[in-house]
Amino acid sequence: MWSQRNRFLLSSLSHLRHVSSTSPLSHLRPLKPSPCLYPYNSFLPPIDSQGRNHLLDLPAGTISRNLTSSNSCSSCWNCGTVGPKSGPFLACGSCGAVQPVDTSVDYFHIFGIKKIYEIKEEDLEGIYKNWQKKLHPDLVHSKSEKEKAFAAEQSARVIDAYRTLKKPLSRALYLLKLEGVHVDEEKTVSDPELLIEMMEMREAVEDAKDSKSLYEIQSQVKKKLEAWSKSFKEAFYKRDFDSAINCTQRMRYYDRALEEITKKL
């Protein structure tokens, strides 16, 4: 038996217009936000500008980029040593001085890995820790204000790079961004089956009596996320960006579901 919430959902969907007789889902108009369909703690991603999940924004507290260099540093500003021919030049290998941020260096370059979707988190962690040993602001507390500012910016950027690349969804969105593909994060999926699935999954999480039940739900959601992640990889390498965007939209739903399950565990 479906719950009253699911009956309401189906009732709402019946008011959608412009349905094609041959493609029943391709012309559905996006659902309008309402407290019933998009509760605050729902798995469904927020669609208002105040609640967007800016996956690629810098962490809160990052200082302004008035000291950021948009051009690549060919030599150390402190000792004049020429930077490496390959690899990012975030800190001088000779004097250890932290260099100004070069925004042309992408996140993959910072970690010295290929610009591909399928990477392992353990490949990032070691490099991330090594960079923070050189860039963390606490390590340059006795340096000039100029270098302190560089360290704060570089450290924040490495943190953002690590957080972005280690998760499938944010990594997918970043790859699309590097390709110049815009993804509307406010767009919702108007697939009735997916919406009903999310509603039922949310109810199951709320009704779960113990951790065992939550872990079972979590396992199911992870499998679905992995399936869409694999579909994204295939679409991206074929440069089928429309399909890739469609995959990220569904990945976002399952990613949000995992966040809610983790909170309850």
Protein backbone atom coordinates (compact mmCIF):
# COMPACT_ATOMS: atom_id res chain seq x y z
CA MET A 1 0.00 0.00 0.00
CA TRP A 2 1.38 3.39 -0.94
CA SER A 3 1.42 6.06 1.70
CA GLN A 4 -0.71 9.21 1.58
CA ARG A 5 2.41 11.18 0.59
CA ASN A 6 2.93 8.98 -2.48
CA ARG A 7 -0.72 9.34 -3.49
CA PHE A 8 -0.29 13.10 -3.25
CA LEU A 9 2.78 12.87 -5.44
CA LEU A 10 0.95 10.91 -8.11
CA SER A 11 -1.92 13.37 -7.92
CA SER A 12 0.51 16.25 -8.43
CA LEU A 13 2.12 14.52 -11.37
CA SER A 14 -1.25 14.13 -13.09
CA HIS A 15 -1.40 17.92 -13.52
CA LEU A 16 1.77 18.02 -15.62
CA ARG A 17 1.06 19.18 -19.15
CA HIS A 18 2.55 18.74 -22.64
CA VAL A 19 2.98 14.97 -22.40
CA SER A 20 4.02 13.36 -25.63
CA SER A 21 2.05 10.31 -26.70
CA THR A 22 5.22 8.60 -27.90
CA SER A 23 7.60 9.77 -25.21
CA PRO A 24 5.61 10.13 -21.98
CA LEU A 25 8.43 11.57 -19.90
CA SER A 26 10.39 13.66 -22.38
CA HIS A 27 8.07 16.69 -22.28
CA LEU A 28 7.07 16.74 -18.62
CA ARG A 29 7.33 20.19 -17.13
CA PRO A 30 9.51 20.44 -13.98
CA LEU A 31 7.61 20.13 -10.74
CA LYS A 32 7.13 23.39 -8.87
CA PRO A 33 8.67 23.47 -5.43
CA SER A 34 6.24 22.91 -2.59
CA PRO A 35 6.60 22.01 1.09
CA CYS A 36 4.99 18.65 0.38
CA LEU A 37 7.29 17.61 -2.46
CA TYR A 38 10.46 19.21 -1.17
CA PRO A 39 10.56 19.13 2.64
CA TYR A 40 13.59 20.63 4.34
CA ASN A 41 15.15 17.29 5.23
CA SER A 42 14.12 15.56 2.02
CA PHE A 43 16.60 13.64 -0.10
CA LEU A 44 15.58 15.83 -3.01
CA PRO A 45 18.19 18.54 -3.67
CA PRO A 46 17.13 22.11 -2.85
CA ILE A 47 16.08 24.05 -5.93
CA ASP A 48 16.00 27.58 -4.56
CA SER A 49 18.98 29.88 -4.92
CA GLN A 50 19.40 30.07 -1.13
CA GLY A 51 19.67 26.33 -0.68
CA ARG A 52 21.91 25.33 -3.56
CA ASN A 53 24.74 22.99 -2.84
CA HIS A 54 27.69 24.83 -4.42
CA LEU A 55 29.96 21.84 -4.79
CA LEU A 56 32.67 23.78 -6.57
CA ASP A 57 32.74 26.93 -4.43
CA LEU A 58 35.73 27.63 -2.23
CA PRO A 59 35.29 26.83 1.47
CA ALA A 60 33.75 29.53 3.62
CA GLY A 61 36.35 31.86 5.04
CA THR A 62 38.67 31.72 2.06
CA ILE A 63 40.33 35.10 1.77
CA SER A 64 39.79 37.28 -1.27
CA ARG A 65 41.88 36.76 -4.36
CA ASN A 66 43.32 40.26 -4.52
CA LEU A 67 46.76 38.73 -4.00
CA THR A 68 46.13 35.85 -6.41
CA SER A 69 48.20 35.64 -9.53
CA SER A 70 46.33 34.49 -12.64
CA ASN A 71 49.60 33.90 -14.48
CA SER A 72 51.87 30.95 -13.96
CA CYS A 73 54.91 31.66 -11.77
CA SER A 74 58.08 30.94 -13.74
CA SER A 75 60.30 31.62 -10.77
CA CYS A 76 60.03 31.94 -6.99
CA TRP A 77 59.08 35.42 -5.84
CA ASN A 78 61.36 35.01 -2.80
CA CYS A 79 64.61 33.49 -4.07
CA GLY A 80 64.24 33.55 -7.85
CA THR A 81 64.58 29.79 -8.33
CA VAL A 82 62.90 28.66 -11.55
CA GLY A 83 59.82 26.54 -10.96
CA PRO A 84 59.41 22.95 -12.17
CA LYS A 85 58.82 22.33 -15.87
CA SER A 86 56.04 19.92 -14.99
CA GLY A 87 53.81 19.70 -11.96
CA PRO A 88 52.24 22.52 -9.95
CA PHE A 89 54.43 25.24 -8.45
CA LEU A 90 52.67 25.82 -5.13
CA ALA A 91 55.76 26.08 -2.97
CA CYS A 92 59.42 26.65 -3.85
CA GLY A 93 61.56 23.54 -3.68
CA SER A 94 64.64 25.60 -2.76
CA CYS A 95 63.56 28.11 -0.11
CA GLY A 96 60.15 26.65 0.75
CA ALA A 97 58.31 29.91 0.13
CA VAL A 98 54.61 29.49 -0.67
CA GLN A 99 53.82 30.85 -4.12
CA PRO A 100 50.80 32.89 -5.25
CA VAL A 101 47.83 30.90 -6.54
CA ASP A 102 47.80 30.16 -10.25
CA THR A 103 44.13 29.70 -11.18
CA SER A 104 45.06 28.18 -14.54
CA VAL A 105 46.25 25.06 -12.67
CA ASP A 106 43.30 22.68 -12.42
CA TYR A 107 42.62 20.37 -9.48
CA PHE A 108 43.91 17.27 -11.26
CA HIS A 109 47.21 19.02 -11.95
CA ILE A 110 47.53 19.95 -8.28
CA PHE A 111 47.48 16.24 -7.41
CA GLY A 112 49.62 15.20 -10.35
CA ILE A 113 47.01 12.82 -11.79
CA LYS A 114 45.42 12.41 -15.19
CA LYS A 115 42.24 14.31 -15.94
CA ILE A 116 39.99 11.26 -15.77
CA TYR A 117 36.84 10.35 -13.89
CA GLU A 118 37.85 7.03 -12.36
CA ILE A 119 40.36 7.78 -9.60
CA LYS A 120 40.93 6.36 -6.13
CA GLU A 121 40.60 8.43 -2.98
CA GLU A 122 43.75 6.86 -1.53
CA ASP A 123 45.70 8.27 -4.49
CA LEU A 124 44.65 11.75 -3.37
CA GLU A 125 45.06 11.50 0.39
CA GLY A 126 48.83 11.12 0.54
CA ILE A 127 49.45 14.01 -1.84
CA TYR A 128 46.91 16.13 0.01
CA LYS A 129 48.70 15.60 3.32
CA ASN A 130 52.08 16.40 1.77
CA TRP A 131 50.78 19.67 0.34
CA GLN A 132 49.27 20.71 3.65
CA LYS A 133 52.63 20.11 5.35
CA LYS A 134 54.05 22.78 3.06
CA LEU A 135 51.08 25.12 2.70
CA HIS A 136 49.19 25.18 5.98
CA PRO A 137 48.98 28.78 7.29
CA ASP A 138 50.11 27.68 10.78
CA LEU A 139 53.47 26.67 9.32
CA VAL A 140 54.22 30.19 8.04
CA HIS A 141 53.12 32.17 11.10
CA SER A 142 56.58 33.79 11.33
CA LYS A 143 56.70 34.72 7.64
CA SER A 144 55.71 37.99 5.99
CA GLU A 145 52.08 39.01 5.65
CA LYS A 146 52.46 38.49 1.92
CA GLU A 147 53.46 34.85 2.29
CA LYS A 148 50.80 34.26 4.97
CA ALA A 149 48.18 35.41 2.47
CA PHE A 150 49.61 33.14 -0.23
CA ALA A 151 49.60 30.19 2.22
CA ALA A 152 45.98 30.80 3.21
CA GLU A 153 44.88 30.86 -0.42
CA GLN A 154 46.94 27.87 -1.52
CA SER A 155 45.87 25.77 1.46
CA ALA A 156 42.20 26.59 0.89
CA ARG A 157 42.50 25.72 -2.79
CA VAL A 158 44.16 22.36 -2.08
CA ILE A 159 41.40 21.57 0.43
CA ASP A 160 38.76 22.43 -2.14
CA ALA A 161 40.54 20.35 -4.78
CA TYR A 162 40.68 17.35 -2.45
CA ARG A 163 37.01 17.60 -1.46
CA THR A 164 35.95 18.01 -5.08
CA LEU A 165 37.93 15.13 -6.56
CA LYS A 166 37.36 12.54 -3.85
CA LYS A 167 33.56 12.33 -4.35
CA PRO A 168 32.05 10.92 -7.56
CA LEU A 169 29.37 13.59 -7.97
CA SER A 170 31.55 16.65 -7.38
CA ARG A 171 34.32 15.12 -9.53
CA ALA A 172 31.83 14.57 -12.36
CA LEU A 173 30.57 18.14 -12.14
CA TYR A 174 34.13 19.48 -12.11
CA LEU A 175 35.09 17.48 -15.20
CA LEU A 176 32.09 18.89 -17.03
CA LYS A 177 33.04 22.37 -15.88
CA LEU A 178 36.55 21.93 -17.30
CA GLU A 179 34.96 20.96 -20.62
CA GLY A 180 32.93 24.16 -20.57
CA VAL A 181 29.67 22.27 -20.03
CA HIS A 182 27.18 24.12 -17.87
CA VAL A 183 25.13 22.06 -15.43
CA ASP A 184 22.00 23.69 -14.02
CA GLU A 185 22.11 22.56 -10.39
CA GLU A 186 18.60 23.95 -9.82
CA LYS A 187 17.03 21.68 -12.40
CA THR A 188 15.07 18.79 -10.93
CA VAL A 189 14.38 15.42 -12.47
CA SER A 190 10.72 15.06 -13.45
CA ASP A 191 10.77 11.26 -13.60
CA PRO A 192 7.74 10.07 -11.57
CA GLU A 193 9.32 6.72 -10.72
CA LEU A 194 12.46 8.36 -9.34
CA LEU A 195 10.48 10.82 -7.25
CA ILE A 196 8.34 8.08 -5.78
CA GLU A 197 11.45 6.01 -5.08
CA MET A 198 12.99 8.90 -3.17
CA MET A 199 9.83 9.42 -1.15
CA GLU A 200 9.64 5.75 -0.21
CA MET A 201 13.33 5.65 0.63
CA ARG A 202 12.96 8.65 2.90
CA GLU A 203 10.08 7.00 4.69
CA ALA A 204 12.12 3.81 5.12
CA VAL A 205 14.96 5.79 6.70
CA GLU A 206 12.59 7.61 9.04
CA ASP A 207 10.94 4.32 10.07
CA ALA A 208 14.21 2.41 10.54
CA LYS A 209 14.44 1.10 14.10
CA ASP A 210 18.11 0.17 14.24
CA SER A 211 21.48 0.62 12.55
CA LYS A 212 21.18 -2.71 10.72
CA SER A 213 18.15 -1.47 8.81
CA LEU A 214 19.91 1.80 7.96
CA TYR A 215 23.01 -0.01 6.71
CA GLU A 216 20.84 -2.16 4.44
CA ILE A 217 19.22 0.94 2.95
CA GLN A 218 22.62 2.59 2.65
CA SER A 219 23.96 -0.41 0.73
CA GLN A 220 21.08 -0.24 -1.74
CA VAL A 221 21.57 3.50 -2.31
CA LYS A 222 25.32 3.07 -2.84
CA LYS A 223 24.68 0.47 -5.53
CA LYS A 224 22.35 2.84 -7.36
CA LEU A 225 24.86 5.69 -7.06
CA GLU A 226 27.62 3.44 -8.39
CA ALA A 227 25.45 2.41 -11.34
CA TRP A 228 24.79 6.02 -12.34
CA SER A 229 28.45 6.86 -11.72
CA LYS A 230 29.44 4.15 -14.20
CA SER A 231 26.92 5.50 -16.69
CA PHE A 232 28.43 8.98 -16.30
CA LYS A 233 31.93 7.65 -16.99
CA GLU A 234 30.78 5.98 -20.20
CA ALA A 235 28.86 9.04 -21.38
CA PHE A 236 31.68 11.44 -20.54
CA TYR A 237 34.33 9.50 -22.43
CA LYS A 238 32.00 9.32 -25.43
CA ARG A 239 31.59 13.09 -25.04
CA ASP A 240 27.85 12.58 -24.81
CA PHE A 241 27.46 15.53 -22.48
CA ASP A 242 23.65 15.53 -22.46
CA SER A 243 23.64 11.98 -21.10
CA ALA A 244 26.46 12.87 -18.70
CA ILE A 245 24.43 15.76 -17.29
CA ASN A 246 21.42 13.47 -16.91
CA CYS A 247 23.59 11.07 -14.89
CA THR A 248 24.79 13.80 -12.53
CA GLN A 249 21.20 14.87 -11.87
CA ARG A 250 20.33 11.38 -10.68
CA MET A 251 23.60 10.98 -8.82
CA ARG A 252 22.69 14.09 -6.84
CA TYR A 253 19.51 12.46 -5.53
CA TYR A 254 21.31 9.36 -4.30
CA ASP A 255 24.19 11.41 -2.90
CA ARG A 256 21.71 13.44 -0.85
CA ALA A 257 20.07 10.21 0.35
CA LEU A 258 23.42 8.91 1.61
CA GLU A 259 24.01 12.15 3.50
CA GLU A 260 20.67 11.81 5.30
CA ILE A 261 21.30 8.15 6.15
CA THR A 262 24.75 9.01 7.53
CA LYS A 263 23.22 11.66 9.79
CA LYS A 264 20.91 9.10 11.33
CA LEU A 265 23.54 6.39 11.82
